[in-house]
Amino acid sequence: MSAETKILIVEDHHATLDGLALGLGSQADFKVVGTATTSDEGLKLLKETSPDVIVLDLHLPGTLGPKAALEAFRRNAPASTRLIIFSAEARIAFIQSVLGMGVSAYLLKSER
């Protein structure tokens, strides 16, 4: 039996957050260890839960802008933590910039 993958979800739209938590949490090998609606709450939960994966929206309420939030999550996460950006931001230059910051994946909210 393999260990569960611990997931932290940071998303400010409650319907999306609930859908992600329900969908990911229903998978046998996944465990949602926390959800947050601001970058500040997400960083606090990151320190408390040490997730294997962070699903992160970049446009969040809180004290940090998108790139600063990404840098803070990357800096505070264990080296083995995978960071997946889940965003509606579809500008190619922005996506390329974010991918160059050490994220594992970039998923558009408009994709199925």
N, C-alpha and C. Protein backbone atom coordinates (compact mmCIF):
# COMPACT_ATOMS: atom_id res chain seq x y z
N MET A 1 0.83 -1.18 0.00
CA MET A 1 0.00 0.00 0.00
C MET A 1 0.88 1.24 0.00
N SER A 2 0.58 2.19 -0.89
CA SER A 2 1.36 3.41 -0.96
C SER A 2 0.81 4.45 0.00
N ALA A 3 1.67 5.38 0.38
CA ALA A 3 1.24 6.46 1.28
C ALA A 3 0.36 7.44 0.54
N GLU A 4 -0.51 8.10 1.28
CA GLU A 4 -1.36 9.11 0.69
C GLU A 4 -0.54 10.35 0.31
N THR A 5 -0.93 10.97 -0.78
CA THR A 5 -0.34 12.24 -1.18
C THR A 5 -1.11 13.35 -0.47
N LYS A 6 -0.41 14.13 0.34
CA LYS A 6 -1.04 15.21 1.10
C LYS A 6 -1.12 16.46 0.22
N ILE A 7 -2.33 17.03 0.11
CA ILE A 7 -2.58 18.16 -0.78
C ILE A 7 -3.11 19.36 -0.01
N LEU A 8 -2.54 20.52 -0.28
CA LEU A 8 -3.02 21.80 0.24
C LEU A 8 -3.59 22.56 -0.95
N ILE A 9 -4.82 23.07 -0.81
CA ILE A 9 -5.47 23.83 -1.88
C ILE A 9 -5.63 25.28 -1.42
N VAL A 10 -5.13 26.21 -2.24
CA VAL A 10 -5.24 27.63 -1.94
C VAL A 10 -5.95 28.30 -3.11
N GLU A 11 -7.21 28.64 -2.88
CA GLU A 11 -8.11 29.15 -3.93
C GLU A 11 -9.15 30.05 -3.28
N ASP A 12 -9.38 31.24 -3.86
CA ASP A 12 -10.29 32.18 -3.22
C ASP A 12 -11.75 32.07 -3.66
N HIS A 13 -12.04 31.33 -4.70
CA HIS A 13 -13.44 31.15 -5.11
C HIS A 13 -13.98 29.88 -4.44
N HIS A 14 -14.93 30.06 -3.56
CA HIS A 14 -15.40 28.96 -2.72
C HIS A 14 -15.95 27.78 -3.51
N ALA A 15 -16.68 28.02 -4.58
CA ALA A 15 -17.22 26.90 -5.37
C ALA A 15 -16.09 26.09 -5.99
N THR A 16 -15.08 26.77 -6.49
CA THR A 16 -13.92 26.08 -7.08
C THR A 16 -13.15 25.33 -5.99
N LEU A 17 -12.95 25.98 -4.88
CA LEU A 17 -12.24 25.37 -3.75
C LEU A 17 -12.97 24.11 -3.29
N ASP A 18 -14.28 24.21 -3.12
CA ASP A 18 -15.05 23.05 -2.67
C ASP A 18 -15.00 21.92 -3.69
N GLY A 19 -15.10 22.26 -4.97
CA GLY A 19 -15.04 21.25 -6.02
C GLY A 19 -13.69 20.55 -6.06
N LEU A 20 -12.62 21.31 -5.96
CA LEU A 20 -11.28 20.72 -5.93
C LEU A 20 -11.11 19.81 -4.71
N ALA A 21 -11.52 20.30 -3.55
CA ALA A 21 -11.36 19.52 -2.33
C ALA A 21 -12.17 18.22 -2.40
N LEU A 22 -13.39 18.31 -2.90
CA LEU A 22 -14.24 17.13 -3.02
C LEU A 22 -13.66 16.14 -4.03
N GLY A 23 -13.29 16.65 -5.20
CA GLY A 23 -12.77 15.78 -6.24
C GLY A 23 -11.44 15.14 -5.87
N LEU A 24 -10.51 15.93 -5.39
CA LEU A 24 -9.20 15.38 -5.01
C LEU A 24 -9.31 14.49 -3.77
N GLY A 25 -10.13 14.92 -2.82
CA GLY A 25 -10.29 14.14 -1.59
C GLY A 25 -10.97 12.81 -1.78
N SER A 26 -11.68 12.64 -2.89
CA SER A 26 -12.37 11.38 -3.14
C SER A 26 -11.45 10.32 -3.74
N GLN A 27 -10.23 10.70 -4.09
CA GLN A 27 -9.28 9.74 -4.65
C GLN A 27 -8.59 8.98 -3.52
N ALA A 28 -8.46 7.70 -3.68
CA ALA A 28 -7.94 6.83 -2.62
C ALA A 28 -6.54 7.23 -2.14
N ASP A 29 -5.69 7.69 -3.03
CA ASP A 29 -4.31 7.99 -2.66
C ASP A 29 -4.06 9.46 -2.33
N PHE A 30 -5.13 10.26 -2.30
CA PHE A 30 -4.99 11.69 -2.01
C PHE A 30 -5.67 12.02 -0.69
N LYS A 31 -5.07 12.94 0.04
CA LYS A 31 -5.68 13.45 1.27
C LYS A 31 -5.53 14.97 1.26
N VAL A 32 -6.63 15.69 1.25
CA VAL A 32 -6.60 17.15 1.34
C VAL A 32 -6.35 17.50 2.80
N VAL A 33 -5.17 18.07 3.07
CA VAL A 33 -4.78 18.36 4.44
C VAL A 33 -5.10 19.79 4.85
N GLY A 34 -5.57 20.60 3.89
CA GLY A 34 -5.94 21.96 4.23
C GLY A 34 -6.44 22.71 3.02
N THR A 35 -7.27 23.72 3.30
CA THR A 35 -7.74 24.62 2.27
C THR A 35 -7.64 26.04 2.81
N ALA A 36 -7.34 26.98 1.91
CA ALA A 36 -7.22 28.38 2.31
C ALA A 36 -7.76 29.25 1.19
N THR A 37 -8.23 30.44 1.56
CA THR A 37 -8.76 31.36 0.57
C THR A 37 -7.91 32.61 0.39
N THR A 38 -6.82 32.73 1.13
CA THR A 38 -5.88 33.84 0.96
C THR A 38 -4.46 33.29 0.96
N SER A 39 -3.55 34.07 0.39
CA SER A 39 -2.14 33.64 0.38
C SER A 39 -1.61 33.54 1.81
N ASP A 40 -2.02 34.45 2.68
CA ASP A 40 -1.55 34.43 4.06
C ASP A 40 -2.00 33.16 4.80
N GLU A 41 -3.29 32.80 4.64
CA GLU A 41 -3.79 31.57 5.26
C GLU A 41 -3.07 30.35 4.67
N GLY A 42 -2.85 30.37 3.37
CA GLY A 42 -2.18 29.26 2.71
C GLY A 42 -0.76 29.05 3.22
N LEU A 43 -0.03 30.14 3.41
CA LEU A 43 1.34 30.02 3.92
C LEU A 43 1.35 29.49 5.34
N LYS A 44 0.38 29.91 6.14
CA LYS A 44 0.28 29.38 7.52
C LYS A 44 0.01 27.88 7.49
N LEU A 45 -0.94 27.45 6.64
CA LEU A 45 -1.25 26.03 6.54
C LEU A 45 -0.09 25.23 5.96
N LEU A 46 0.65 25.82 5.05
CA LEU A 46 1.83 25.15 4.49
C LEU A 46 2.78 24.74 5.60
N LYS A 47 3.03 25.66 6.51
CA LYS A 47 3.95 25.37 7.62
C LYS A 47 3.37 24.32 8.57
N GLU A 48 2.05 24.30 8.73
CA GLU A 48 1.41 23.36 9.66
C GLU A 48 1.24 21.96 9.07
N THR A 49 1.10 21.84 7.75
CA THR A 49 0.72 20.56 7.16
C THR A 49 1.80 19.86 6.34
N SER A 50 2.86 20.57 5.94
CA SER A 50 3.92 20.01 5.09
C SER A 50 3.35 19.14 3.96
N PRO A 51 2.60 19.75 3.04
CA PRO A 51 1.96 18.96 1.98
C PRO A 51 2.96 18.45 0.95
N ASP A 52 2.54 17.41 0.24
CA ASP A 52 3.33 16.89 -0.87
C ASP A 52 3.06 17.70 -2.13
N VAL A 53 1.84 18.24 -2.23
CA VAL A 53 1.40 19.01 -3.39
C VAL A 53 0.63 20.23 -2.90
N ILE A 54 0.91 21.37 -3.54
CA ILE A 54 0.12 22.59 -3.30
C ILE A 54 -0.55 22.95 -4.61
N VAL A 55 -1.88 23.07 -4.58
CA VAL A 55 -2.64 23.56 -5.73
C VAL A 55 -2.92 25.02 -5.40
N LEU A 56 -2.33 25.92 -6.20
CA LEU A 56 -2.30 27.35 -5.86
C LEU A 56 -2.86 28.22 -6.97
N ASP A 57 -3.89 28.99 -6.63
CA ASP A 57 -4.36 30.06 -7.50
C ASP A 57 -3.41 31.23 -7.26
N LEU A 58 -3.09 31.99 -8.29
CA LEU A 58 -2.13 33.08 -8.11
C LEU A 58 -2.77 34.42 -7.79
N HIS A 59 -4.01 34.61 -8.14
CA HIS A 59 -4.67 35.89 -7.88
C HIS A 59 -5.55 35.74 -6.65
N LEU A 60 -4.94 35.98 -5.49
CA LEU A 60 -5.58 35.75 -4.20
C LEU A 60 -5.62 37.01 -3.36
N PRO A 61 -6.61 37.12 -2.51
CA PRO A 61 -6.55 38.19 -1.51
C PRO A 61 -5.40 37.89 -0.54
N GLY A 62 -4.88 38.92 0.04
CA GLY A 62 -3.79 38.75 0.99
C GLY A 62 -2.75 39.83 0.78
N THR A 63 -1.65 39.72 1.46
CA THR A 63 -0.65 40.77 1.43
C THR A 63 0.32 40.64 0.25
N LEU A 64 0.26 39.53 -0.49
CA LEU A 64 1.22 39.29 -1.56
C LEU A 64 0.56 39.28 -2.93
N GLY A 65 1.25 39.84 -3.91
CA GLY A 65 0.82 39.75 -5.29
C GLY A 65 1.13 38.36 -5.84
N PRO A 66 0.74 38.08 -7.09
CA PRO A 66 0.90 36.73 -7.66
C PRO A 66 2.33 36.18 -7.61
N LYS A 67 3.29 36.93 -8.11
CA LYS A 67 4.66 36.40 -8.15
C LYS A 67 5.29 36.35 -6.76
N ALA A 68 4.98 37.31 -5.93
CA ALA A 68 5.49 37.28 -4.55
C ALA A 68 4.91 36.11 -3.78
N ALA A 69 3.62 35.82 -4.00
CA ALA A 69 3.00 34.67 -3.34
C ALA A 69 3.67 33.37 -3.81
N LEU A 70 3.87 33.26 -5.10
CA LEU A 70 4.52 32.06 -5.64
C LEU A 70 5.90 31.89 -5.03
N GLU A 71 6.67 32.96 -4.98
CA GLU A 71 8.01 32.88 -4.38
C GLU A 71 7.94 32.48 -2.92
N ALA A 72 6.98 33.01 -2.18
CA ALA A 72 6.84 32.68 -0.76
C ALA A 72 6.47 31.21 -0.56
N PHE A 73 5.56 30.70 -1.38
CA PHE A 73 5.21 29.28 -1.27
C PHE A 73 6.40 28.41 -1.64
N ARG A 74 7.10 28.75 -2.68
CA ARG A 74 8.26 27.97 -3.11
C ARG A 74 9.34 27.99 -2.03
N ARG A 75 9.59 29.16 -1.45
CA ARG A 75 10.63 29.32 -0.44
C ARG A 75 10.29 28.57 0.86
N ASN A 76 9.02 28.52 1.24
CA ASN A 76 8.61 27.92 2.51
C ASN A 76 8.23 26.45 2.42
N ALA A 77 8.09 25.94 1.21
CA ALA A 77 7.70 24.53 1.05
C ALA A 77 8.94 23.63 1.13
N PRO A 78 8.76 22.42 1.63
CA PRO A 78 9.86 21.46 1.57
C PRO A 78 10.29 21.26 0.11
N ALA A 79 11.55 20.95 -0.10
CA ALA A 79 12.09 20.81 -1.46
C ALA A 79 11.33 19.77 -2.29
N SER A 80 10.77 18.77 -1.64
CA SER A 80 10.06 17.71 -2.36
C SER A 80 8.62 18.08 -2.72
N THR A 81 8.11 19.19 -2.19
CA THR A 81 6.73 19.59 -2.45
C THR A 81 6.57 20.06 -3.89
N ARG A 82 5.55 19.55 -4.55
CA ARG A 82 5.23 19.95 -5.92
C ARG A 82 4.22 21.09 -5.88
N LEU A 83 4.48 22.12 -6.65
CA LEU A 83 3.61 23.28 -6.71
C LEU A 83 2.90 23.30 -8.05
N ILE A 84 1.57 23.22 -8.00
CA ILE A 84 0.75 23.24 -9.21
C ILE A 84 -0.07 24.53 -9.21
N ILE A 85 0.13 25.34 -10.23
CA ILE A 85 -0.62 26.57 -10.36
C ILE A 85 -1.94 26.26 -11.06
N PHE A 86 -3.03 26.74 -10.48
CA PHE A 86 -4.37 26.55 -11.02
C PHE A 86 -4.97 27.94 -11.17
N SER A 87 -4.98 28.45 -12.40
CA SER A 87 -5.30 29.86 -12.60
C SER A 87 -6.09 30.10 -13.87
N ALA A 88 -6.81 31.20 -13.89
CA ALA A 88 -7.51 31.64 -15.10
C ALA A 88 -6.61 32.52 -15.95
N GLU A 89 -5.45 32.87 -15.45
CA GLU A 89 -4.50 33.74 -16.16
C GLU A 89 -3.92 32.98 -17.35
N ALA A 90 -4.30 33.40 -18.57
CA ALA A 90 -3.92 32.66 -19.78
C ALA A 90 -2.90 33.38 -20.66
N ARG A 91 -2.39 34.51 -20.21
CA ARG A 91 -1.38 35.20 -21.02
C ARG A 91 -0.11 34.36 -21.09
N ILE A 92 0.34 34.08 -22.30
CA ILE A 92 1.49 33.20 -22.52
C ILE A 92 2.74 33.72 -21.80
N ALA A 93 3.02 34.99 -21.89
CA ALA A 93 4.21 35.54 -21.23
C ALA A 93 4.16 35.33 -19.72
N PHE A 94 2.98 35.50 -19.13
CA PHE A 94 2.82 35.30 -17.69
C PHE A 94 3.05 33.82 -17.34
N ILE A 95 2.43 32.93 -18.10
CA ILE A 95 2.58 31.49 -17.86
C ILE A 95 4.05 31.07 -17.98
N GLN A 96 4.74 31.55 -19.00
CA GLN A 96 6.15 31.21 -19.18
C GLN A 96 6.99 31.72 -18.02
N SER A 97 6.68 32.92 -17.57
CA SER A 97 7.39 33.49 -16.43
C SER A 97 7.20 32.63 -15.18
N VAL A 98 5.96 32.22 -14.93
CA VAL A 98 5.64 31.40 -13.76
C VAL A 98 6.31 30.03 -13.87
N LEU A 99 6.27 29.44 -15.05
CA LEU A 99 6.91 28.12 -15.22
C LEU A 99 8.41 28.19 -14.97
N GLY A 100 9.00 29.34 -15.22
CA GLY A 100 10.42 29.51 -14.96
C GLY A 100 10.75 29.71 -13.49
N MET A 101 9.73 29.76 -12.64
CA MET A 101 9.93 29.98 -11.21
C MET A 101 9.89 28.69 -10.40
N GLY A 102 9.99 27.55 -11.07
CA GLY A 102 10.11 26.30 -10.35
C GLY A 102 8.81 25.60 -10.00
N VAL A 103 7.75 25.86 -10.74
CA VAL A 103 6.51 25.13 -10.50
C VAL A 103 6.52 23.82 -11.27
N SER A 104 5.74 22.88 -10.80
CA SER A 104 5.66 21.56 -11.46
C SER A 104 4.69 21.55 -12.62
N ALA A 105 3.64 22.37 -12.53
CA ALA A 105 2.62 22.39 -13.59
C ALA A 105 1.83 23.68 -13.51
N TYR A 106 1.22 24.04 -14.64
CA TYR A 106 0.36 25.21 -14.71
C TYR A 106 -0.92 24.74 -15.40
N LEU A 107 -2.03 24.77 -14.67
CA LEU A 107 -3.31 24.33 -15.21
C LEU A 107 -4.24 25.53 -15.32
N LEU A 108 -4.82 25.68 -16.52
CA LEU A 108 -5.81 26.75 -16.71
C LEU A 108 -7.17 26.30 -16.19
N LYS A 109 -7.87 27.19 -15.52
CA LYS A 109 -9.20 26.87 -15.01
C LYS A 109 -10.19 26.62 -16.14
N SER A 110 -9.90 27.12 -17.32
CA SER A 110 -10.81 26.94 -18.45
C SER A 110 -10.68 25.57 -19.10
N GLU A 111 -9.65 24.80 -18.75
CA GLU A 111 -9.47 23.46 -19.33
C GLU A 111 -10.36 22.45 -18.60
N ARG A 112 -10.69 21.38 -19.30
CA ARG A 112 -11.50 20.32 -18.69
C ARG A 112 -10.67 19.44 -17.79
